[in-house]
Amino acid sequence: MHIDKEIDTRGLHCPLPILKAKKALADMVSGEVLKVVSTDAGSVRDFQAFAKQTGNELIDQQTEGEDFIHVMRRR
């Protein structure tokens, strides 16, 4: 999968991963893909809710060790 931008929010807790993702998405054009790496377990449901509220597409969510990976497509 082609990733246009990746941000590392490890060590940050809600709502900072979402706020950083929102800021990154604002600088992207429609259709571009953002990958967010987080260590906050609550980020899984936070990103699901964020996608529903904003209309950005949550393409994928994975857990790799202590990292939670979220991949979103800009609306």
PDB file of N, CA and C in Angstrom:
ATOM      1  N   MET A   1       0.835  -1.178   0.000  1.00  0.00           N
ATOM      2  CA  MET A   1       0.000   0.000   0.000  1.00  0.00           C
ATOM      3  C   MET A   1       0.888   1.252   0.000  1.00  0.00           C
ATOM      4  N   HIS A   2       0.533   2.198  -0.835  1.00  0.00           N
ATOM      5  CA  HIS A   2       1.293   3.451  -0.931  1.00  0.00           C
ATOM      6  C   HIS A   2       0.872   4.389   0.196  1.00  0.00           C
ATOM      7  N   ILE A   3       1.830   4.837   0.987  1.00  0.00           N
ATOM      8  CA  ILE A   3       1.589   5.782   2.075  1.00  0.00           C
ATOM      9  C   ILE A   3       2.175   7.134   1.659  1.00  0.00           C
ATOM     10  N   ASP A   4       1.342   8.181   1.681  1.00  0.00           N
ATOM     11  CA  ASP A   4       1.815   9.514   1.305  1.00  0.00           C
ATOM     12  C   ASP A   4       2.482  10.248   2.468  1.00  0.00           C
ATOM     13  N   LYS A   5       1.996   9.998   3.683  1.00  0.00           N
ATOM     14  CA  LYS A   5       2.560  10.666   4.859  1.00  0.00           C
ATOM     15  C   LYS A   5       2.429   9.729   6.049  1.00  0.00           C
ATOM     16  N   GLU A   6       3.447   9.734   6.918  1.00  0.00           N
ATOM     17  CA  GLU A   6       3.410   8.919   8.134  1.00  0.00           C
ATOM     18  C   GLU A   6       3.755   9.798   9.325  1.00  0.00           C
ATOM     19  N   ILE A   7       2.973   9.642  10.403  1.00  0.00           N
ATOM     20  CA  ILE A   7       3.282  10.372  11.628  1.00  0.00           C
ATOM     21  C   ILE A   7       3.408   9.385  12.792  1.00  0.00           C
ATOM     22  N   ASP A   8       4.324   9.693  13.684  1.00  0.00           N
ATOM     23  CA  ASP A   8       4.602   8.858  14.849  1.00  0.00           C
ATOM     24  C   ASP A   8       4.049   9.561  16.086  1.00  0.00           C
ATOM     25  N   THR A   9       3.025   8.952  16.695  1.00  0.00           N
ATOM     26  CA  THR A   9       2.442   9.542  17.904  1.00  0.00           C
ATOM     27  C   THR A   9       2.678   8.632  19.111  1.00  0.00           C
ATOM     28  N   ARG A  10       3.718   7.808  19.047  1.00  0.00           N
ATOM     29  CA  ARG A  10       4.024   6.915  20.169  1.00  0.00           C
ATOM     30  C   ARG A  10       4.254   7.740  21.438  1.00  0.00           C
ATOM     31  N   GLY A  11       3.700   7.261  22.543  1.00  0.00           N
ATOM     32  CA  GLY A  11       3.874   7.929  23.824  1.00  0.00           C
ATOM     33  C   GLY A  11       2.848   9.018  24.095  1.00  0.00           C
ATOM     34  N   LEU A  12       2.065   9.374  23.091  1.00  0.00           N
ATOM     35  CA  LEU A  12       1.027  10.398  23.268  1.00  0.00           C
ATOM     36  C   LEU A  12      -0.307   9.731  23.579  1.00  0.00           C
ATOM     37  N   HIS A  13      -1.101  10.373  24.405  1.00  0.00           N
ATOM     38  CA  HIS A  13      -2.401   9.825  24.784  1.00  0.00           C
ATOM     39  C   HIS A  13      -3.513  10.705  24.242  1.00  0.00           C
ATOM     40  N   CYS A  14      -4.708  10.134  24.198  1.00  0.00           N
ATOM     41  CA  CYS A  14      -5.900  10.809  23.714  1.00  0.00           C
ATOM     42  C   CYS A  14      -5.993  12.193  24.342  1.00  0.00           C
ATOM     43  N   PRO A  15      -6.269  13.212  23.577  1.00  0.00           N
ATOM     44  CA  PRO A  15      -6.663  13.225  22.163  1.00  0.00           C
ATOM     45  C   PRO A  15      -5.524  13.559  21.206  1.00  0.00           C
ATOM     46  N   LEU A  16      -4.276  13.547  21.676  1.00  0.00           N
ATOM     47  CA  LEU A  16      -3.168  14.015  20.830  1.00  0.00           C
ATOM     48  C   LEU A  16      -2.976  13.229  19.530  1.00  0.00           C
ATOM     49  N   PRO A  17      -3.066  11.878  19.510  1.00  0.00           N
ATOM     50  CA  PRO A  17      -2.915  11.200  18.208  1.00  0.00           C
ATOM     51  C   PRO A  17      -3.948  11.661  17.169  1.00  0.00           C
ATOM     52  N   ILE A  18      -5.185  11.858  17.622  1.00  0.00           N
ATOM     53  CA  ILE A  18      -6.244  12.329  16.712  1.00  0.00           C
ATOM     54  C   ILE A  18      -5.958  13.758  16.249  1.00  0.00           C
ATOM     55  N   LEU A  19      -5.548  14.616  17.163  1.00  0.00           N
ATOM     56  CA  LEU A  19      -5.266  16.005  16.792  1.00  0.00           C
ATOM     57  C   LEU A  19      -4.118  16.097  15.791  1.00  0.00           C
ATOM     58  N   LYS A  20      -3.087  15.294  15.990  1.00  0.00           N
ATOM     59  CA  LYS A  20      -1.957  15.287  15.049  1.00  0.00           C
ATOM     60  C   LYS A  20      -2.387  14.726  13.694  1.00  0.00           C
ATOM     61  N   ALA A  21      -3.239  13.708  13.702  1.00  0.00           N
ATOM     62  CA  ALA A  21      -3.754  13.148  12.448  1.00  0.00           C
ATOM     63  C   ALA A  21      -4.611  14.181  11.718  1.00  0.00           C
ATOM     64  N   LYS A  22      -5.447  14.889  12.466  1.00  0.00           N
ATOM     65  CA  LYS A  22      -6.312  15.916  11.868  1.00  0.00           C
ATOM     66  C   LYS A  22      -5.472  16.998  11.191  1.00  0.00           C
ATOM     67  N   LYS A  23      -4.407  17.425  11.876  1.00  0.00           N
ATOM     68  CA  LYS A  23      -3.519  18.447  11.323  1.00  0.00           C
ATOM     69  C   LYS A  23      -2.816  17.929  10.064  1.00  0.00           C
ATOM     70  N   ALA A  24      -2.348  16.684  10.102  1.00  0.00           N
ATOM     71  CA  ALA A  24      -1.665  16.095   8.940  1.00  0.00           C
ATOM     72  C   ALA A  24      -2.618  15.969   7.756  1.00  0.00           C
ATOM     73  N   LEU A  25      -3.840  15.520   8.019  1.00  0.00           N
ATOM     74  CA  LEU A  25      -4.821  15.365   6.940  1.00  0.00           C
ATOM     75  C   LEU A  25      -5.173  16.713   6.309  1.00  0.00           C
ATOM     76  N   ALA A  26      -5.183  17.764   7.104  1.00  0.00           N
ATOM     77  CA  ALA A  26      -5.512  19.102   6.590  1.00  0.00           C
ATOM     78  C   ALA A  26      -4.482  19.569   5.561  1.00  0.00           C
ATOM     79  N   ASP A  27      -3.251  19.076   5.669  1.00  0.00           N
ATOM     80  CA  ASP A  27      -2.180  19.458   4.744  1.00  0.00           C
ATOM     81  C   ASP A  27      -2.099  18.538   3.528  1.00  0.00           C
ATOM     82  N   MET A  28      -2.991  17.559   3.453  1.00  0.00           N
ATOM     83  CA  MET A  28      -2.962  16.585   2.357  1.00  0.00           C
ATOM     84  C   MET A  28      -4.096  16.872   1.375  1.00  0.00           C
ATOM     85  N   VAL A  29      -3.968  16.314   0.170  1.00  0.00           N
ATOM     86  CA  VAL A  29      -5.034  16.472  -0.824  1.00  0.00           C
ATOM     87  C   VAL A  29      -5.917  15.231  -0.825  1.00  0.00           C
ATOM     88  N   SER A  30      -7.109  15.382  -1.364  1.00  0.00           N
ATOM     89  CA  SER A  30      -8.078  14.294  -1.404  1.00  0.00           C
ATOM     90  C   SER A  30      -7.476  13.040  -2.050  1.00  0.00           C
ATOM     91  N   GLY A  31      -7.671  11.897  -1.389  1.00  0.00           N
ATOM     92  CA  GLY A  31      -7.185  10.620  -1.920  1.00  0.00           C
ATOM     93  C   GLY A  31      -5.831  10.195  -1.370  1.00  0.00           C
ATOM     94  N   GLU A  32      -5.098  11.124  -0.755  1.00  0.00           N
ATOM     95  CA  GLU A  32      -3.797  10.753  -0.192  1.00  0.00           C
ATOM     96  C   GLU A  32      -3.992   9.906   1.066  1.00  0.00           C
ATOM     97  N   VAL A  33      -2.960   9.114   1.386  1.00  0.00           N
ATOM     98  CA  VAL A  33      -3.054   8.144   2.479  1.00  0.00           C
ATOM     99  C   VAL A  33      -2.102   8.522   3.615  1.00  0.00           C
ATOM    100  N   LEU A  34      -2.643   8.518   4.834  1.00  0.00           N
ATOM    101  CA  LEU A  34      -1.898   8.849   6.043  1.00  0.00           C
ATOM    102  C   LEU A  34      -1.777   7.613   6.920  1.00  0.00           C
ATOM    103  N   LYS A  35      -0.571   7.364   7.413  1.00  0.00           N
ATOM    104  CA  LYS A  35      -0.337   6.275   8.366  1.00  0.00           C
ATOM    105  C   LYS A  35       0.026   6.902   9.708  1.00  0.00           C
ATOM    106  N   VAL A  36      -0.666   6.468  10.765  1.00  0.00           N
ATOM    107  CA  VAL A  36      -0.416   6.971  12.114  1.00  0.00           C
ATOM    108  C   VAL A  36      -0.001   5.789  12.990  1.00  0.00           C
ATOM    109  N   VAL A  37       1.127   5.934  13.675  1.00  0.00           N
ATOM    110  CA  VAL A  37       1.602   4.908  14.602  1.00  0.00           C
ATOM    111  C   VAL A  37       1.406   5.447  16.014  1.00  0.00           C
ATOM    112  N   SER A  38       0.706   4.672  16.850  1.00  0.00           N
ATOM    113  CA  SER A  38       0.381   5.099  18.202  1.00  0.00           C
ATOM    114  C   SER A  38       0.639   3.973  19.194  1.00  0.00           C
ATOM    115  N   THR A  39       0.843   4.332  20.462  1.00  0.00           N
ATOM    116  CA  THR A  39       0.947   3.325  21.519  1.00  0.00           C
ATOM    117  C   THR A  39      -0.264   3.394  22.450  1.00  0.00           C
ATOM    118  N   ASP A  40      -1.217   4.250  22.143  1.00  0.00           N
ATOM    119  CA  ASP A  40      -2.421   4.429  22.955  1.00  0.00           C
ATOM    120  C   ASP A  40      -3.483   3.423  22.513  1.00  0.00           C
ATOM    121  N   ALA A  41      -3.802   2.468  23.394  1.00  0.00           N
ATOM    122  CA  ALA A  41      -4.788   1.435  23.049  1.00  0.00           C
ATOM    123  C   ALA A  41      -6.152   2.040  22.711  1.00  0.00           C
ATOM    124  N   GLY A  42      -6.478   3.164  23.331  1.00  0.00           N
ATOM    125  CA  GLY A  42      -7.748   3.829  23.056  1.00  0.00           C
ATOM    126  C   GLY A  42      -7.823   4.432  21.665  1.00  0.00           C
ATOM    127  N   SER A  43      -6.672   4.537  21.008  1.00  0.00           N
ATOM    128  CA  SER A  43      -6.656   5.137  19.669  1.00  0.00           C
ATOM    129  C   SER A  43      -7.414   4.287  18.660  1.00  0.00           C
ATOM    130  N   VAL A  44      -7.554   2.985  18.913  1.00  0.00           N
ATOM    131  CA  VAL A  44      -8.273   2.113  17.964  1.00  0.00           C
ATOM    132  C   VAL A  44      -9.704   2.613  17.803  1.00  0.00           C
ATOM    133  N   ARG A  45     -10.407   2.766  18.891  1.00  0.00           N
ATOM    134  CA  ARG A  45     -11.802   3.238  18.778  1.00  0.00           C
ATOM    135  C   ARG A  45     -11.857   4.730  18.459  1.00  0.00           C
ATOM    136  N   ASP A  46     -10.858   5.491  18.919  1.00  0.00           N
ATOM    137  CA  ASP A  46     -10.827   6.924  18.610  1.00  0.00           C
ATOM    138  C   ASP A  46     -10.746   7.162  17.104  1.00  0.00           C
ATOM    139  N   PHE A  47      -9.897   6.406  16.411  1.00  0.00           N
ATOM    140  CA  PHE A  47      -9.758   6.592  14.966  1.00  0.00           C
ATOM    141  C   PHE A  47     -11.000   6.112  14.220  1.00  0.00           C
ATOM    142  N   GLN A  48     -11.674   5.096  14.737  1.00  0.00           N
ATOM    143  CA  GLN A  48     -12.922   4.648  14.116  1.00  0.00           C
ATOM    144  C   GLN A  48     -13.970   5.756  14.199  1.00  0.00           C
ATOM    145  N   ALA A  49     -14.083   6.368  15.375  1.00  0.00           N
ATOM    146  CA  ALA A  49     -15.049   7.462  15.557  1.00  0.00           C
ATOM    147  C   ALA A  49     -14.650   8.686  14.730  1.00  0.00           C
ATOM    148  N   PHE A  50     -13.359   8.992  14.697  1.00  0.00           N
ATOM    149  CA  PHE A  50     -12.855  10.134  13.927  1.00  0.00           C
ATOM    150  C   PHE A  50     -13.189   9.979  12.442  1.00  0.00           C
ATOM    151  N   ALA A  51     -13.022   8.777  11.918  1.00  0.00           N
ATOM    152  CA  ALA A  51     -13.326   8.529  10.505  1.00  0.00           C
ATOM    153  C   ALA A  51     -14.812   8.756  10.227  1.00  0.00           C
ATOM    154  N   LYS A  52     -15.664   8.262  11.102  1.00  0.00           N
ATOM    155  CA  LYS A  52     -17.105   8.439  10.916  1.00  0.00           C
ATOM    156  C   LYS A  52     -17.494   9.916  10.978  1.00  0.00           C
ATOM    157  N   GLN A  53     -16.896  10.651  11.902  1.00  0.00           N
ATOM    158  CA  GLN A  53     -17.249  12.060  12.086  1.00  0.00           C
ATOM    159  C   GLN A  53     -16.748  12.947  10.959  1.00  0.00           C
ATOM    160  N   THR A  54     -15.598  12.612  10.377  1.00  0.00           N
ATOM    161  CA  THR A  54     -14.979  13.506   9.398  1.00  0.00           C
ATOM    162  C   THR A  54     -15.191  13.088   7.951  1.00  0.00           C
ATOM    163  N   GLY A  55     -15.591  11.838   7.717  1.00  0.00           N
ATOM    164  CA  GLY A  55     -15.763  11.361   6.353  1.00  0.00           C
ATOM    165  C   GLY A  55     -14.485  10.861   5.712  1.00  0.00           C
ATOM    166  N   ASN A  56     -13.364  10.910   6.459  1.00  0.00           N
ATOM    167  CA  ASN A  56     -12.133  10.306   5.953  1.00  0.00           C
ATOM    168  C   ASN A  56     -12.260   8.797   6.093  1.00  0.00           C
ATOM    169  N   GLU A  57     -11.669   8.051   5.158  1.00  0.00           N
ATOM    170  CA  GLU A  57     -11.816   6.602   5.151  1.00  0.00           C
ATOM    171  C   GLU A  57     -10.733   5.938   5.995  1.00  0.00           C
ATOM    172  N   LEU A  58     -11.162   5.127   6.954  1.00  0.00           N
ATOM    173  CA  LEU A  58     -10.221   4.330   7.742  1.00  0.00           C
ATOM    174  C   LEU A  58      -9.982   3.045   6.965  1.00  0.00           C
ATOM    175  N   ILE A  59      -8.838   2.965   6.291  1.00  0.00           N
ATOM    176  CA  ILE A  59      -8.532   1.847   5.400  1.00  0.00           C
ATOM    177  C   ILE A  59      -8.135   0.605   6.183  1.00  0.00           C
ATOM    178  N   ASP A  60      -7.315   0.804   7.234  1.00  0.00           N
ATOM    179  CA  ASP A  60      -6.753  -0.349   7.933  1.00  0.00           C
ATOM    180  C   ASP A  60      -6.374   0.028   9.356  1.00  0.00           C
ATOM    181  N   GLN A  61      -6.491  -0.946  10.243  1.00  0.00           N
ATOM    182  CA  GLN A  61      -5.982  -0.824  11.606  1.00  0.00           C
ATOM    183  C   GLN A  61      -5.304  -2.141  11.954  1.00  0.00           C
ATOM    184  N   GLN A  62      -4.100  -2.047  12.510  1.00  0.00           N
ATOM    185  CA  GLN A  62      -3.352  -3.239  12.887  1.00  0.00           C
ATOM    186  C   GLN A  62      -2.673  -2.997  14.227  1.00  0.00           C
ATOM    187  N   THR A  63      -2.364  -4.093  14.900  1.00  0.00           N
ATOM    188  CA  THR A  63      -1.565  -4.023  16.118  1.00  0.00           C
ATOM    189  C   THR A  63      -0.276  -4.782  15.855  1.00  0.00           C
ATOM    190  N   GLU A  64       0.845  -4.116  16.073  1.00  0.00           N
ATOM    191  CA  GLU A  64       2.156  -4.735  15.904  1.00  0.00           C
ATOM    192  C   GLU A  64       2.924  -4.535  17.200  1.00  0.00           C
ATOM    193  N   GLY A  65       2.973  -5.567  18.035  1.00  0.00           N
ATOM    194  CA  GLY A  65       3.610  -5.435  19.338  1.00  0.00           C
ATOM    195  C   GLY A  65       2.838  -4.441  20.178  1.00  0.00           C
ATOM    196  N   GLU A  66       3.504  -3.378  20.613  1.00  0.00           N
ATOM    197  CA  GLU A  66       2.847  -2.341  21.416  1.00  0.00           C
ATOM    198  C   GLU A  66       2.326  -1.192  20.559  1.00  0.00           C
ATOM    199  N   ASP A  67       2.519  -1.280  19.246  1.00  0.00           N
ATOM    200  CA  ASP A  67       2.099  -0.210  18.337  1.00  0.00           C
ATOM    201  C   ASP A  67       0.734  -0.495  17.733  1.00  0.00           C
ATOM    202  N   PHE A  68      -0.059   0.543  17.628  1.00  0.00           N
ATOM    203  CA  PHE A  68      -1.347   0.494  16.938  1.00  0.00           C
ATOM    204  C   PHE A  68      -1.186   1.322  15.670  1.00  0.00           C
ATOM    205  N   ILE A  69      -1.422   0.681  14.520  1.00  0.00           N
ATOM    206  CA  ILE A  69      -1.221   1.318  13.217  1.00  0.00           C
ATOM    207  C   ILE A  69      -2.597   1.656  12.633  1.00  0.00           C
ATOM    208  N   HIS A  70      -2.754   2.905  12.229  1.00  0.00           N
ATOM    209  CA  HIS A  70      -4.008   3.377  11.623  1.00  0.00           C
ATOM    210  C   HIS A  70      -3.671   3.953  10.253  1.00  0.00           C
ATOM    211  N   VAL A  71      -4.409   3.524   9.237  1.00  0.00           N
ATOM    212  CA  VAL A  71      -4.193   4.025   7.884  1.00  0.00           C
ATOM    213  C   VAL A  71      -5.491   4.659   7.396  1.00  0.00           C
ATOM    214  N   MET A  72      -5.405   5.932   7.025  1.00  0.00           N
ATOM    215  CA  MET A  72      -6.588   6.679   6.601  1.00  0.00           C
ATOM    216  C   MET A  72      -6.379   7.303   5.225  1.00  0.00           C
ATOM    217  N   ARG A  73      -7.458   7.376   4.475  1.00  0.00           N
ATOM    218  CA  ARG A  73      -7.452   8.074   3.177  1.00  0.00           C
ATOM    219  C   ARG A  73      -8.207   9.385   3.338  1.00  0.00           C
ATOM    220  N   ARG A  74      -7.558  10.467   2.907  1.00  0.00           N
ATOM    221  CA  ARG A  74      -8.161  11.810   2.980  1.00  0.00           C
ATOM    222  C   ARG A  74      -9.379  11.893   2.090  1.00  0.00           C
ATOM    223  N   ARG A  75     -10.454  12.437   2.624  1.00  0.00           N
ATOM    224  CA  ARG A  75     -11.696  12.564   1.829  1.00  0.00           C
ATOM    225  C   ARG A  75     -11.558  13.639   0.786  1.00  0.00           C
TER     226      ARG A  75
END
